[in-house]
Amino acid sequence: MHSHKLNLILSPDTYLPIHVLQPSATTGRFGALSSRFAFTKVMDFLRSWSSFIMVEHHTFVKFLPKADNPSHFCLVRVVQRPPTVVLHVGCLEGMPHQLLLEVGWPPNGLVCAV
């Protein structure tokens, strides 16, 4: 298996607070940043890109086009570590790079959107 690791930094849903690195005066806690909208865009892209989804909506499988049978495939495993997302991409050894380019991997549109 040939694998890649793609780390994406998600954009926050709201603007960053002025004092993001200082705790609140009343509670003494730091503010939380959420990036749910960007994470949803990543998951929507992977749902539309993949052939099917398995393992609780975190693993995506894409069969690559072949004339005879779907013998080549690509696996994408999503691990969320806020405010980042890690995409673990695995493909079979010896698979032609041209096949990956035909199905749109690496996802340039995804990286620009997030």
Protein backbone atom coordinates (compact mmCIF):
# COMPACT_ATOMS: atom_id res chain seq x y z
CA MET A 1 0.00 0.00 0.00
CA HIS A 2 1.31 3.42 -0.94
CA SER A 3 0.15 6.15 1.44
CA HIS A 4 0.11 9.91 1.78
CA LYS A 5 -0.84 12.14 4.68
CA LEU A 6 -2.57 15.43 3.91
CA ASN A 7 -2.98 17.94 6.76
CA LEU A 8 -5.59 20.67 6.28
CA ILE A 9 -5.98 23.67 8.56
CA LEU A 10 -9.66 24.56 8.68
CA SER A 11 -10.85 28.13 8.66
CA PRO A 12 -12.82 29.14 11.77
CA ASP A 13 -16.57 29.78 11.57
CA THR A 14 -16.31 33.25 13.10
CA TYR A 15 -13.64 35.90 13.24
CA LEU A 16 -10.91 35.39 15.79
CA PRO A 17 -11.45 37.32 19.03
CA ILE A 18 -9.07 40.18 19.79
CA HIS A 19 -7.65 38.48 22.86
CA VAL A 20 -7.57 34.92 21.56
CA LEU A 21 -4.39 34.00 23.48
CA GLN A 22 -5.52 35.48 26.81
CA PRO A 23 -8.04 33.89 29.17
CA SER A 24 -11.34 35.52 29.90
CA ALA A 25 -11.29 37.96 32.83
CA THR A 26 -14.48 36.54 34.36
CA THR A 27 -14.02 32.77 33.93
CA GLY A 28 -10.28 32.43 33.41
CA ARG A 29 -10.84 30.15 30.41
CA PHE A 30 -9.76 30.50 26.82
CA GLY A 31 -12.29 30.97 24.05
CA ALA A 32 -13.11 28.01 21.82
CA LEU A 33 -12.74 28.08 18.07
CA SER A 34 -15.06 25.99 15.96
CA SER A 35 -14.62 25.12 12.31
CA ARG A 36 -17.74 23.05 11.68
CA PHE A 37 -18.59 24.76 8.39
CA ALA A 38 -15.17 24.01 6.85
CA PHE A 39 -15.25 20.43 8.16
CA THR A 40 -18.68 19.97 6.57
CA LYS A 41 -17.28 21.19 3.24
CA VAL A 42 -14.44 18.65 3.46
CA MET A 43 -16.84 15.81 4.23
CA ASP A 44 -19.26 16.87 1.46
CA PHE A 45 -16.42 16.90 -1.06
CA LEU A 46 -15.30 13.43 -0.02
CA ARG A 47 -18.86 12.09 -0.16
CA SER A 48 -19.31 13.33 -3.71
CA TRP A 49 -15.83 12.17 -4.78
CA SER A 50 -15.93 8.63 -3.38
CA SER A 51 -17.63 5.53 -4.73
CA PHE A 52 -18.89 4.50 -1.29
CA ILE A 53 -18.42 5.30 2.40
CA MET A 54 -17.63 2.85 5.19
CA VAL A 55 -16.66 2.74 8.89
CA GLU A 56 -19.01 5.34 10.40
CA HIS A 57 -18.56 8.01 7.72
CA HIS A 58 -14.80 8.38 8.24
CA THR A 59 -13.41 6.10 5.52
CA PHE A 60 -14.05 6.74 1.85
CA VAL A 61 -13.33 4.34 -1.03
CA LYS A 62 -12.96 5.40 -4.66
CA PHE A 63 -12.72 2.82 -7.44
CA LEU A 64 -10.47 4.12 -10.17
CA PRO A 65 -11.60 3.80 -13.80
CA LYS A 66 -10.34 0.75 -15.60
CA ALA A 67 -11.59 -0.81 -18.82
CA ASP A 68 -11.90 -4.39 -17.54
CA ASN A 69 -12.79 -4.32 -13.85
CA PRO A 70 -12.36 -2.06 -10.80
CA SER A 71 -9.03 -3.53 -9.73
CA HIS A 72 -7.55 -0.21 -8.62
CA PHE A 73 -8.94 1.74 -5.69
CA CYS A 74 -8.01 4.53 -3.33
CA LEU A 75 -8.83 4.75 0.41
CA VAL A 76 -9.19 8.02 2.31
CA ARG A 77 -9.43 7.99 6.11
CA VAL A 78 -10.46 11.23 7.83
CA VAL A 79 -9.16 12.08 11.31
CA GLN A 80 -10.40 15.31 12.86
CA ARG A 81 -8.05 17.11 15.21
CA PRO A 82 -9.53 20.59 15.62
CA PRO A 83 -8.70 23.01 14.07
CA THR A 84 -7.15 20.61 11.55
CA VAL A 85 -8.21 17.59 9.53
CA VAL A 86 -5.79 14.83 8.59
CA LEU A 87 -6.54 12.86 5.42
CA HIS A 88 -4.73 9.53 5.22
CA VAL A 89 -4.75 8.45 1.57
CA GLY A 90 -3.80 4.92 0.60
CA CYS A 91 -3.43 3.40 -2.87
CA LEU A 92 -2.14 0.10 -4.18
CA GLU A 93 1.54 -0.22 -5.03
CA GLY A 94 2.31 -0.02 -8.73
CA MET A 95 -0.82 1.91 -9.60
CA PRO A 96 -0.25 4.36 -12.47
CA HIS A 97 -0.22 8.00 -11.40
CA GLN A 98 -2.34 8.86 -14.44
CA LEU A 99 -5.30 7.00 -12.87
CA LEU A 100 -5.20 9.23 -9.79
CA LEU A 101 -5.10 12.35 -11.95
CA GLU A 102 -8.15 11.16 -13.92
CA VAL A 103 -10.34 11.02 -10.81
CA GLY A 104 -9.13 14.34 -9.45
CA TRP A 105 -6.60 13.49 -6.78
CA PRO A 106 -4.94 15.50 -5.20
CA PRO A 107 -8.04 17.61 -4.49
CA ASN A 108 -6.93 21.09 -5.54
CA GLY A 109 -10.49 22.41 -5.35
CA LEU A 110 -10.85 21.16 -1.78
CA VAL A 111 -7.67 22.84 -0.61
CA CYS A 112 -8.75 26.14 -2.16
CA ALA A 113 -12.25 25.93 -0.67
CA VAL A 114 -11.08 25.25 2.88
